[in-house]
Amino acid sequence: AFKKRLDKAAEVVASQNKDALLVVVVDAADNSITAANTLSPPDRSFVHDFFSLGQLPTNVRFVVTARTGRLPSLDLPPSFISLEMTGFSREETAARVRGIWNDAPDAWIDDFHHLTSGNPRVQSYAMDYAGGEPARALDYLRPTGKNLDQIFREQFGHARHQLIGIGHLRF
């Protein structure tokens, strides 16, 4: 059913503009596979079916994101081109920061970029934590910077502490 709808949608897109593309994005495809495998009994993720749709219309493209370490679980067809995404460059960090705090000094941006290793998600968490106070973002990241694992552990610990405090979690 999905393949038939995809073919029809591709026709509609092509009828509007012969050079237009229909792009289907599956973000964090590896999470779907992990979730399906944790069921009892394990289930098949839609992702594997998605990759086996057969010949696609020439104006259709699939974009799939996944953690590098979990790429083998996707069992991607050979026709897929793998591109590793890296963090922001210093210039991209500056553009992002100045979109929120337009008067951020270059030295502050240098520190922020270094302490986040250019990771967009780490930057988002730090900016959210800071609220309207850029100095709080750097304080949150200091002394040596943070990565996503550290942030998630902190958030889990904070949530656990709150639940224990209101009596919803006991050990």
N, C-alpha and C. Protein backbone atom coordinates (compact mmCIF):
# COMPACT_ATOMS: atom_id res chain seq x y z
N ALA A 1 0.84 -1.19 0.00
CA ALA A 1 0.00 0.00 0.00
C ALA A 1 0.89 1.26 0.00
N PHE A 2 1.95 1.25 0.82
CA PHE A 2 2.84 2.41 0.86
C PHE A 2 3.51 2.63 -0.48
N LYS A 3 3.95 1.55 -1.11
CA LYS A 3 4.62 1.65 -2.42
C LYS A 3 3.69 2.26 -3.46
N LYS A 4 2.44 1.85 -3.47
CA LYS A 4 1.47 2.42 -4.43
C LYS A 4 1.27 3.91 -4.17
N ARG A 5 1.18 4.30 -2.91
CA ARG A 5 1.01 5.72 -2.58
C ARG A 5 2.27 6.51 -2.93
N LEU A 6 3.41 5.91 -2.71
CA LEU A 6 4.67 6.56 -3.05
C LEU A 6 4.76 6.79 -4.56
N ASP A 7 4.40 5.78 -5.34
CA ASP A 7 4.42 5.92 -6.80
C ASP A 7 3.48 7.04 -7.25
N LYS A 8 2.27 7.07 -6.68
CA LYS A 8 1.29 8.10 -7.04
C LYS A 8 1.79 9.49 -6.65
N ALA A 9 2.34 9.60 -5.44
CA ALA A 9 2.87 10.90 -4.99
C ALA A 9 4.01 11.36 -5.89
N ALA A 10 4.85 10.43 -6.32
CA ALA A 10 5.95 10.78 -7.23
C ALA A 10 5.42 11.31 -8.56
N GLU A 11 4.33 10.71 -9.04
CA GLU A 11 3.70 11.20 -10.28
C GLU A 11 3.19 12.62 -10.10
N VAL A 12 2.53 12.88 -8.98
CA VAL A 12 1.98 14.21 -8.72
C VAL A 12 3.11 15.25 -8.65
N VAL A 13 4.18 14.92 -7.95
CA VAL A 13 5.31 15.83 -7.84
C VAL A 13 5.90 16.10 -9.22
N ALA A 14 6.09 15.07 -10.02
CA ALA A 14 6.67 15.22 -11.36
C ALA A 14 5.76 16.04 -12.27
N SER A 15 4.46 15.92 -12.08
CA SER A 15 3.53 16.69 -12.92
C SER A 15 3.62 18.18 -12.63
N GLN A 16 4.04 18.54 -11.43
CA GLN A 16 4.18 19.95 -11.05
C GLN A 16 5.50 20.54 -11.54
N ASN A 17 6.55 19.70 -11.51
CA ASN A 17 7.88 20.16 -11.93
C ASN A 17 8.71 18.93 -12.25
N LYS A 18 9.13 18.80 -13.49
CA LYS A 18 9.85 17.58 -13.91
C LYS A 18 11.17 17.36 -13.17
N ASP A 19 11.73 18.43 -12.57
CA ASP A 19 12.99 18.31 -11.83
C ASP A 19 12.80 18.17 -10.33
N ALA A 20 11.56 18.21 -9.87
CA ALA A 20 11.29 18.15 -8.42
C ALA A 20 11.54 16.74 -7.89
N LEU A 21 11.91 16.67 -6.64
CA LEU A 21 12.14 15.39 -5.96
C LEU A 21 11.14 15.20 -4.84
N LEU A 22 10.78 13.96 -4.62
CA LEU A 22 10.00 13.57 -3.45
C LEU A 22 10.99 12.91 -2.50
N VAL A 23 11.24 13.56 -1.37
CA VAL A 23 12.22 13.06 -0.42
C VAL A 23 11.51 12.54 0.82
N VAL A 24 11.77 11.29 1.15
CA VAL A 24 11.19 10.65 2.33
C VAL A 24 12.33 10.50 3.35
N VAL A 25 12.12 11.05 4.55
CA VAL A 25 13.16 11.02 5.58
C VAL A 25 12.72 10.13 6.73
N VAL A 26 13.59 9.21 7.10
CA VAL A 26 13.39 8.40 8.29
C VAL A 26 14.49 8.77 9.26
N ASP A 27 14.14 9.51 10.29
CA ASP A 27 15.13 9.96 11.27
C ASP A 27 15.25 8.91 12.37
N ALA A 28 16.46 8.64 12.79
CA ALA A 28 16.76 7.69 13.86
C ALA A 28 16.16 6.31 13.56
N ALA A 29 16.40 5.84 12.36
CA ALA A 29 15.88 4.53 11.94
C ALA A 29 16.36 3.42 12.86
N ASP A 30 17.55 3.57 13.40
CA ASP A 30 18.10 2.55 14.29
C ASP A 30 17.25 2.39 15.55
N ASN A 31 16.60 3.45 15.99
CA ASN A 31 15.74 3.35 17.18
C ASN A 31 14.54 2.45 16.93
N SER A 32 14.00 2.48 15.72
CA SER A 32 12.87 1.60 15.39
C SER A 32 13.29 0.14 15.45
N ILE A 33 14.47 -0.15 14.96
CA ILE A 33 14.96 -1.53 14.96
C ILE A 33 15.23 -1.99 16.39
N THR A 34 15.84 -1.13 17.19
CA THR A 34 16.10 -1.46 18.59
C THR A 34 14.78 -1.71 19.32
N ALA A 35 13.79 -0.85 19.11
CA ALA A 35 12.49 -1.01 19.77
C ALA A 35 11.81 -2.32 19.35
N ALA A 36 11.85 -2.65 18.07
CA ALA A 36 11.23 -3.88 17.59
C ALA A 36 11.92 -5.10 18.20
N ASN A 37 13.23 -5.03 18.36
CA ASN A 37 13.98 -6.16 18.92
C ASN A 37 13.74 -6.35 20.42
N THR A 38 13.27 -5.32 21.11
CA THR A 38 13.04 -5.45 22.55
C THR A 38 11.68 -6.04 22.87
N LEU A 39 10.82 -6.17 21.86
CA LEU A 39 9.50 -6.76 22.10
C LEU A 39 9.64 -8.26 22.32
N SER A 40 8.65 -8.82 22.99
CA SER A 40 8.66 -10.25 23.23
C SER A 40 7.39 -10.86 22.64
N PRO A 41 7.50 -11.61 21.59
CA PRO A 41 8.69 -11.94 20.81
C PRO A 41 9.14 -10.73 19.98
N PRO A 42 10.41 -10.73 19.56
CA PRO A 42 10.90 -9.61 18.75
C PRO A 42 10.04 -9.42 17.50
N ASP A 43 9.91 -8.19 17.08
CA ASP A 43 9.09 -7.84 15.92
C ASP A 43 10.01 -7.36 14.81
N ARG A 44 9.47 -7.21 13.64
CA ARG A 44 10.21 -6.69 12.50
C ARG A 44 9.92 -5.19 12.39
N SER A 45 10.95 -4.39 12.31
CA SER A 45 10.80 -2.95 12.16
C SER A 45 10.33 -2.62 10.75
N PHE A 46 9.52 -1.58 10.64
CA PHE A 46 9.08 -1.11 9.33
C PHE A 46 10.28 -0.70 8.47
N VAL A 47 11.39 -0.38 9.10
CA VAL A 47 12.56 0.10 8.39
C VAL A 47 13.04 -0.94 7.38
N HIS A 48 13.06 -2.19 7.77
CA HIS A 48 13.52 -3.23 6.85
C HIS A 48 12.58 -3.38 5.66
N ASP A 49 11.29 -3.26 5.89
CA ASP A 49 10.32 -3.31 4.79
C ASP A 49 10.47 -2.09 3.89
N PHE A 50 10.75 -0.98 4.49
CA PHE A 50 10.92 0.28 3.79
C PHE A 50 12.05 0.17 2.76
N PHE A 51 13.13 -0.49 3.14
CA PHE A 51 14.28 -0.62 2.24
C PHE A 51 14.07 -1.67 1.17
N SER A 52 13.05 -2.48 1.30
CA SER A 52 12.84 -3.54 0.32
C SER A 52 11.62 -3.26 -0.57
N LEU A 53 11.32 -2.00 -0.80
CA LEU A 53 10.17 -1.64 -1.63
C LEU A 53 10.39 -1.92 -3.12
N GLY A 54 11.61 -2.19 -3.49
CA GLY A 54 11.89 -2.46 -4.90
C GLY A 54 12.24 -1.20 -5.65
N GLN A 55 12.03 -1.25 -6.96
CA GLN A 55 12.38 -0.13 -7.83
C GLN A 55 11.53 1.10 -7.48
N LEU A 56 12.22 2.19 -7.22
CA LEU A 56 11.55 3.44 -6.86
C LEU A 56 11.46 4.35 -8.08
N PRO A 57 10.45 5.21 -8.10
CA PRO A 57 10.40 6.21 -9.18
C PRO A 57 11.70 7.02 -9.20
N THR A 58 12.08 7.51 -10.36
CA THR A 58 13.37 8.20 -10.50
C THR A 58 13.45 9.50 -9.72
N ASN A 59 12.31 10.05 -9.34
CA ASN A 59 12.33 11.32 -8.60
C ASN A 59 12.14 11.13 -7.09
N VAL A 60 12.29 9.92 -6.61
CA VAL A 60 12.14 9.63 -5.18
C VAL A 60 13.51 9.38 -4.57
N ARG A 61 13.72 9.98 -3.40
CA ARG A 61 14.95 9.78 -2.65
C ARG A 61 14.59 9.44 -1.21
N PHE A 62 15.34 8.54 -0.62
CA PHE A 62 15.21 8.24 0.80
C PHE A 62 16.42 8.81 1.52
N VAL A 63 16.18 9.45 2.65
CA VAL A 63 17.23 9.91 3.53
C VAL A 63 16.98 9.22 4.87
N VAL A 64 18.00 8.53 5.36
CA VAL A 64 17.86 7.76 6.59
C VAL A 64 18.96 8.18 7.54
N THR A 65 18.60 8.49 8.78
CA THR A 65 19.61 8.81 9.77
C THR A 65 19.67 7.70 10.81
N ALA A 66 20.88 7.47 11.32
CA ALA A 66 21.10 6.46 12.35
C ALA A 66 22.45 6.72 12.98
N ARG A 67 22.63 6.18 14.18
CA ARG A 67 23.93 6.26 14.81
C ARG A 67 24.91 5.38 14.03
N THR A 68 26.12 5.87 13.88
CA THR A 68 27.13 5.15 13.11
C THR A 68 27.31 3.73 13.61
N GLY A 69 27.35 3.55 14.93
CA GLY A 69 27.57 2.23 15.51
C GLY A 69 26.43 1.25 15.26
N ARG A 70 25.26 1.76 14.89
CA ARG A 70 24.12 0.88 14.65
C ARG A 70 23.79 0.70 13.16
N LEU A 71 24.61 1.26 12.29
CA LEU A 71 24.33 1.14 10.86
C LEU A 71 24.17 -0.31 10.39
N PRO A 72 24.98 -1.25 10.88
CA PRO A 72 24.80 -2.63 10.42
C PRO A 72 23.40 -3.18 10.69
N SER A 73 22.75 -2.74 11.75
CA SER A 73 21.40 -3.24 12.06
C SER A 73 20.38 -2.83 11.01
N LEU A 74 20.67 -1.78 10.24
CA LEU A 74 19.73 -1.33 9.21
C LEU A 74 19.74 -2.24 8.00
N ASP A 75 20.84 -2.94 7.80
CA ASP A 75 20.98 -3.83 6.64
C ASP A 75 20.62 -3.08 5.36
N LEU A 76 21.30 -1.96 5.16
CA LEU A 76 21.02 -1.09 4.02
C LEU A 76 21.40 -1.75 2.70
N PRO A 77 20.60 -1.51 1.67
CA PRO A 77 20.96 -2.03 0.35
C PRO A 77 22.24 -1.35 -0.16
N PRO A 78 22.96 -2.01 -1.05
CA PRO A 78 24.21 -1.44 -1.56
C PRO A 78 24.03 -0.10 -2.27
N SER A 79 22.82 0.19 -2.74
CA SER A 79 22.59 1.44 -3.47
C SER A 79 22.60 2.66 -2.56
N PHE A 80 22.52 2.46 -1.25
CA PHE A 80 22.53 3.59 -0.31
C PHE A 80 23.94 4.17 -0.22
N ILE A 81 23.99 5.48 -0.20
CA ILE A 81 25.26 6.18 -0.06
C ILE A 81 25.37 6.65 1.39
N SER A 82 26.44 6.28 2.05
CA SER A 82 26.62 6.63 3.45
C SER A 82 27.42 7.93 3.57
N LEU A 83 26.87 8.85 4.32
CA LEU A 83 27.54 10.11 4.60
C LEU A 83 27.55 10.31 6.10
N GLU A 84 28.74 10.49 6.66
CA GLU A 84 28.83 10.72 8.10
C GLU A 84 28.61 12.20 8.37
N MET A 85 27.71 12.47 9.31
CA MET A 85 27.44 13.84 9.71
C MET A 85 28.34 14.18 10.89
N THR A 86 28.96 15.33 10.80
CA THR A 86 29.82 15.78 11.89
C THR A 86 29.16 16.97 12.57
N GLY A 87 29.78 17.45 13.62
CA GLY A 87 29.25 18.60 14.34
C GLY A 87 29.39 19.88 13.52
N PHE A 88 28.89 20.96 14.11
CA PHE A 88 28.99 22.26 13.47
C PHE A 88 30.44 22.71 13.39
N SER A 89 30.73 23.44 12.34
CA SER A 89 32.01 24.15 12.27
C SER A 89 31.90 25.35 13.22
N ARG A 90 33.02 25.99 13.46
CA ARG A 90 33.01 27.18 14.32
C ARG A 90 32.08 28.25 13.73
N GLU A 91 32.09 28.41 12.42
CA GLU A 91 31.24 29.40 11.76
C GLU A 91 29.76 29.05 11.90
N GLU A 92 29.43 27.76 11.80
CA GLU A 92 28.03 27.34 11.97
C GLU A 92 27.58 27.56 13.41
N THR A 93 28.46 27.28 14.36
CA THR A 93 28.14 27.56 15.76
C THR A 93 27.87 29.04 15.95
N ALA A 94 28.71 29.88 15.38
CA ALA A 94 28.54 31.33 15.50
C ALA A 94 27.21 31.78 14.92
N ALA A 95 26.86 31.26 13.76
CA ALA A 95 25.58 31.63 13.14
C ALA A 95 24.40 31.21 14.01
N ARG A 96 24.49 30.02 14.57
CA ARG A 96 23.40 29.54 15.43
C ARG A 96 23.28 30.39 16.70
N VAL A 97 24.40 30.64 17.33
CA VAL A 97 24.39 31.43 18.57
C VAL A 97 23.86 32.83 18.29
N ARG A 98 24.36 33.44 17.23
CA ARG A 98 23.96 34.83 16.95
C ARG A 98 22.52 34.92 16.49
N GLY A 99 21.92 33.81 16.11
CA GLY A 99 20.49 33.80 15.82
C GLY A 99 19.66 33.92 17.09
N ILE A 100 20.28 33.64 18.23
CA ILE A 100 19.60 33.73 19.53
C ILE A 100 20.15 34.90 20.33
N TRP A 101 21.47 34.95 20.43
CA TRP A 101 22.15 36.02 21.18
C TRP A 101 23.03 36.78 20.19
N ASN A 102 22.44 37.76 19.51
CA ASN A 102 23.15 38.41 18.40
C ASN A 102 24.39 39.19 18.82
N ASP A 103 24.54 39.50 20.09
CA ASP A 103 25.71 40.27 20.52
C ASP A 103 26.76 39.39 21.22
N ALA A 104 26.69 38.08 21.01
CA ALA A 104 27.67 37.18 21.65
C ALA A 104 29.07 37.48 21.13
N PRO A 105 30.02 37.71 22.03
CA PRO A 105 31.40 38.01 21.60
C PRO A 105 32.07 36.78 20.97
N ASP A 106 33.03 37.04 20.11
CA ASP A 106 33.76 35.95 19.45
C ASP A 106 34.41 35.00 20.46
N ALA A 107 34.97 35.54 21.53
CA ALA A 107 35.63 34.69 22.53
C ALA A 107 34.61 33.76 23.20
N TRP A 108 33.40 34.26 23.45
CA TRP A 108 32.34 33.43 24.05
C TRP A 108 31.98 32.31 23.09
N ILE A 109 31.83 32.65 21.81
CA ILE A 109 31.49 31.64 20.80
C ILE A 109 32.60 30.60 20.69
N ASP A 110 33.85 31.04 20.75
CA ASP A 110 34.97 30.09 20.71
C ASP A 110 34.87 29.10 21.87
N ASP A 111 34.62 29.60 23.06
CA ASP A 111 34.49 28.73 24.24
C ASP A 111 33.30 27.79 24.08
N PHE A 112 32.18 28.33 23.66
CA PHE A 112 30.95 27.53 23.51
C PHE A 112 31.17 26.42 22.49
N HIS A 113 31.77 26.76 21.37
CA HIS A 113 32.03 25.76 20.33
C HIS A 113 32.97 24.67 20.87
N HIS A 114 34.02 25.08 21.56
CA HIS A 114 34.97 24.11 22.11
C HIS A 114 34.31 23.20 23.16
N LEU A 115 33.54 23.79 24.07
CA LEU A 115 32.94 23.02 25.17
C LEU A 115 31.82 22.08 24.71
N THR A 116 31.25 22.34 23.53
CA THR A 116 30.20 21.47 22.99
C THR A 116 30.72 20.56 21.89
N SER A 117 31.99 20.70 21.55
CA SER A 117 32.60 19.97 20.43
C SER A 117 31.81 20.18 19.14
N GLY A 118 31.10 21.30 19.06
CA GLY A 118 30.31 21.60 17.87
C GLY A 118 29.06 20.77 17.72
N ASN A 119 28.69 20.00 18.75
CA ASN A 119 27.52 19.12 18.67
C ASN A 119 26.23 19.95 18.79
N PRO A 120 25.41 19.95 17.74
CA PRO A 120 24.19 20.76 17.77
C PRO A 120 23.24 20.42 18.92
N ARG A 121 23.10 19.16 19.26
CA ARG A 121 22.19 18.80 20.36
C ARG A 121 22.74 19.26 21.70
N VAL A 122 24.02 19.11 21.91
CA VAL A 122 24.63 19.59 23.15
C VAL A 122 24.45 21.10 23.23
N GLN A 123 24.64 21.78 22.11
CA GLN A 123 24.44 23.23 22.09
C GLN A 123 23.01 23.59 22.45
N SER A 124 22.05 22.85 21.94
CA SER A 124 20.64 23.12 22.26
C SER A 124 20.37 22.96 23.74
N TYR A 125 20.86 21.88 24.33
CA TYR A 125 20.65 21.66 25.76
C TYR A 125 21.29 22.78 26.58
N ALA A 126 22.49 23.20 26.20
CA ALA A 126 23.17 24.26 26.93
C ALA A 126 22.42 25.58 26.81
N MET A 127 21.92 25.89 25.61
CA MET A 127 21.19 27.13 25.42
C MET A 127 19.85 27.10 26.16
N ASP A 128 19.20 25.94 26.14
CA ASP A 128 17.94 25.81 26.90
C ASP A 128 18.19 26.01 28.39
N TYR A 129 19.25 25.41 28.88
CA TYR A 129 19.61 25.54 30.30
C TYR A 129 19.86 27.00 30.65
N ALA A 130 20.51 27.72 29.74
CA ALA A 130 20.90 29.11 29.99
C ALA A 130 19.71 30.06 30.03
N GLY A 131 18.62 29.68 29.39
CA GLY A 131 17.51 30.63 29.29
C GLY A 131 18.00 31.84 28.52
N GLY A 132 17.84 32.99 29.08
CA GLY A 132 18.29 34.21 28.42
C GLY A 132 19.66 34.68 28.86
N GLU A 133 20.39 33.84 29.59
CA GLU A 133 21.69 34.25 30.14
C GLU A 133 22.83 33.42 29.54
N PRO A 134 23.49 33.94 28.51
CA PRO A 134 24.57 33.18 27.86
C PRO A 134 25.65 32.67 28.80
N ALA A 135 25.96 33.42 29.84
CA ALA A 135 27.01 32.97 30.77
C ALA A 135 26.64 31.64 31.42
N ARG A 136 25.33 31.42 31.64
CA ARG A 136 24.89 30.15 32.24
C ARG A 136 25.17 28.96 31.32
N ALA A 137 25.13 29.19 30.02
CA ALA A 137 25.42 28.11 29.08
C ALA A 137 26.85 27.63 29.26
N LEU A 138 27.79 28.56 29.34
CA LEU A 138 29.19 28.17 29.54
C LEU A 138 29.39 27.53 30.90
N ASP A 139 28.73 28.07 31.93
CA ASP A 139 28.85 27.48 33.27
C ASP A 139 28.35 26.04 33.26
N TYR A 140 27.27 25.79 32.54
CA TYR A 140 26.69 24.44 32.44
C TYR A 140 27.68 23.46 31.81
N LEU A 141 28.46 23.95 30.86
CA LEU A 141 29.37 23.10 30.10
C LEU A 141 30.74 22.93 30.75
N ARG A 142 31.12 23.82 31.64
CA ARG A 142 32.44 23.80 32.24
C ARG A 142 32.56 22.71 33.30
N PRO A 143 33.73 22.23 33.57
CA PRO A 143 35.02 22.80 33.19
C PRO A 143 35.57 22.26 31.87
N THR A 144 35.17 21.05 31.46
CA THR A 144 35.83 20.44 30.29
C THR A 144 34.89 20.19 29.12
N GLY A 145 33.67 20.69 29.19
CA GLY A 145 32.71 20.44 28.12
C GLY A 145 31.83 19.25 28.45
N LYS A 146 30.81 19.05 27.64
CA LYS A 146 29.89 17.92 27.85
C LYS A 146 29.57 17.27 26.52
N ASN A 147 29.18 16.00 26.63
CA ASN A 147 28.67 15.29 25.47
C ASN A 147 27.25 14.82 25.79
N LEU A 148 26.59 14.22 24.84
CA LEU A 148 25.19 13.82 25.05
C LEU A 148 25.03 12.80 26.16
N ASP A 149 25.95 11.85 26.27
CA ASP A 149 25.84 10.85 27.33
C ASP A 149 25.83 11.52 28.71
N GLN A 150 26.72 12.48 28.90
CA GLN A 150 26.77 13.19 30.19
C GLN A 150 25.47 13.95 30.44
N ILE A 151 24.97 14.62 29.44
CA ILE A 151 23.72 15.39 29.59
C ILE A 151 22.57 14.46 29.91
N PHE A 152 22.46 13.34 29.20
CA PHE A 152 21.35 12.41 29.46
C PHE A 152 21.44 11.82 30.86
N ARG A 153 22.66 11.47 31.30
CA ARG A 153 22.83 10.95 32.67
C ARG A 153 22.40 11.98 33.70
N GLU A 154 22.79 13.23 33.49
CA GLU A 154 22.39 14.29 34.41
C GLU A 154 20.87 14.46 34.44
N GLN A 155 20.25 14.45 33.27
CA GLN A 155 18.80 14.63 33.22
C GLN A 155 18.08 13.45 33.87
N PHE A 156 18.59 12.24 33.64
CA PHE A 156 17.99 11.08 34.27
C PHE A 156 18.13 11.17 35.79
N GLY A 157 19.31 11.54 36.26
CA GLY A 157 19.53 11.70 37.70
C GLY A 157 18.63 12.75 38.30
N HIS A 158 18.44 13.85 37.59
CA HIS A 158 17.56 14.91 38.08
C HIS A 158 16.12 14.41 38.16
N ALA A 159 15.65 13.73 37.12
CA ALA A 159 14.28 13.20 37.11
C ALA A 159 14.11 12.17 38.23
N ARG A 160 15.10 11.32 38.41
CA ARG A 160 15.05 10.30 39.47
C ARG A 160 14.97 10.97 40.84
N HIS A 161 15.78 12.00 41.05
CA HIS A 161 15.77 12.74 42.31
C HIS A 161 14.40 13.36 42.57
N GLN A 162 13.80 13.92 41.54
CA GLN A 162 12.47 14.53 41.70
C GLN A 162 11.42 13.48 42.05
N LEU A 163 11.48 12.32 41.38
CA LEU A 163 10.50 11.27 41.64
C LEU A 163 10.65 10.70 43.05
N ILE A 164 11.88 10.53 43.50
CA ILE A 164 12.11 10.05 44.87
C ILE A 164 11.58 11.08 45.86
N GLY A 165 11.82 12.36 45.56
CA GLY A 165 11.39 13.43 46.45
C GLY A 165 9.89 13.51 46.64
N ILE A 166 9.12 13.10 45.61
CA ILE A 166 7.66 13.16 45.74
C ILE A 166 7.05 11.80 46.04
N GLY A 167 7.93 10.84 46.30
CA GLY A 167 7.46 9.53 46.76
C GLY A 167 6.97 8.58 45.67
N HIS A 168 7.29 8.86 44.40
CA HIS A 168 6.84 7.98 43.32
C HIS A 168 7.83 6.92 42.94
N LEU A 169 9.01 6.97 43.50
CA LEU A 169 10.04 6.00 43.16
C LEU A 169 10.71 5.56 44.44
N ARG A 170 10.77 4.25 44.61
CA ARG A 170 11.40 3.72 45.83
C ARG A 170 12.44 2.67 45.42
N PHE A 171 13.49 2.62 46.22
CA PHE A 171 14.55 1.62 45.96
C PHE A 171 14.72 0.75 47.18
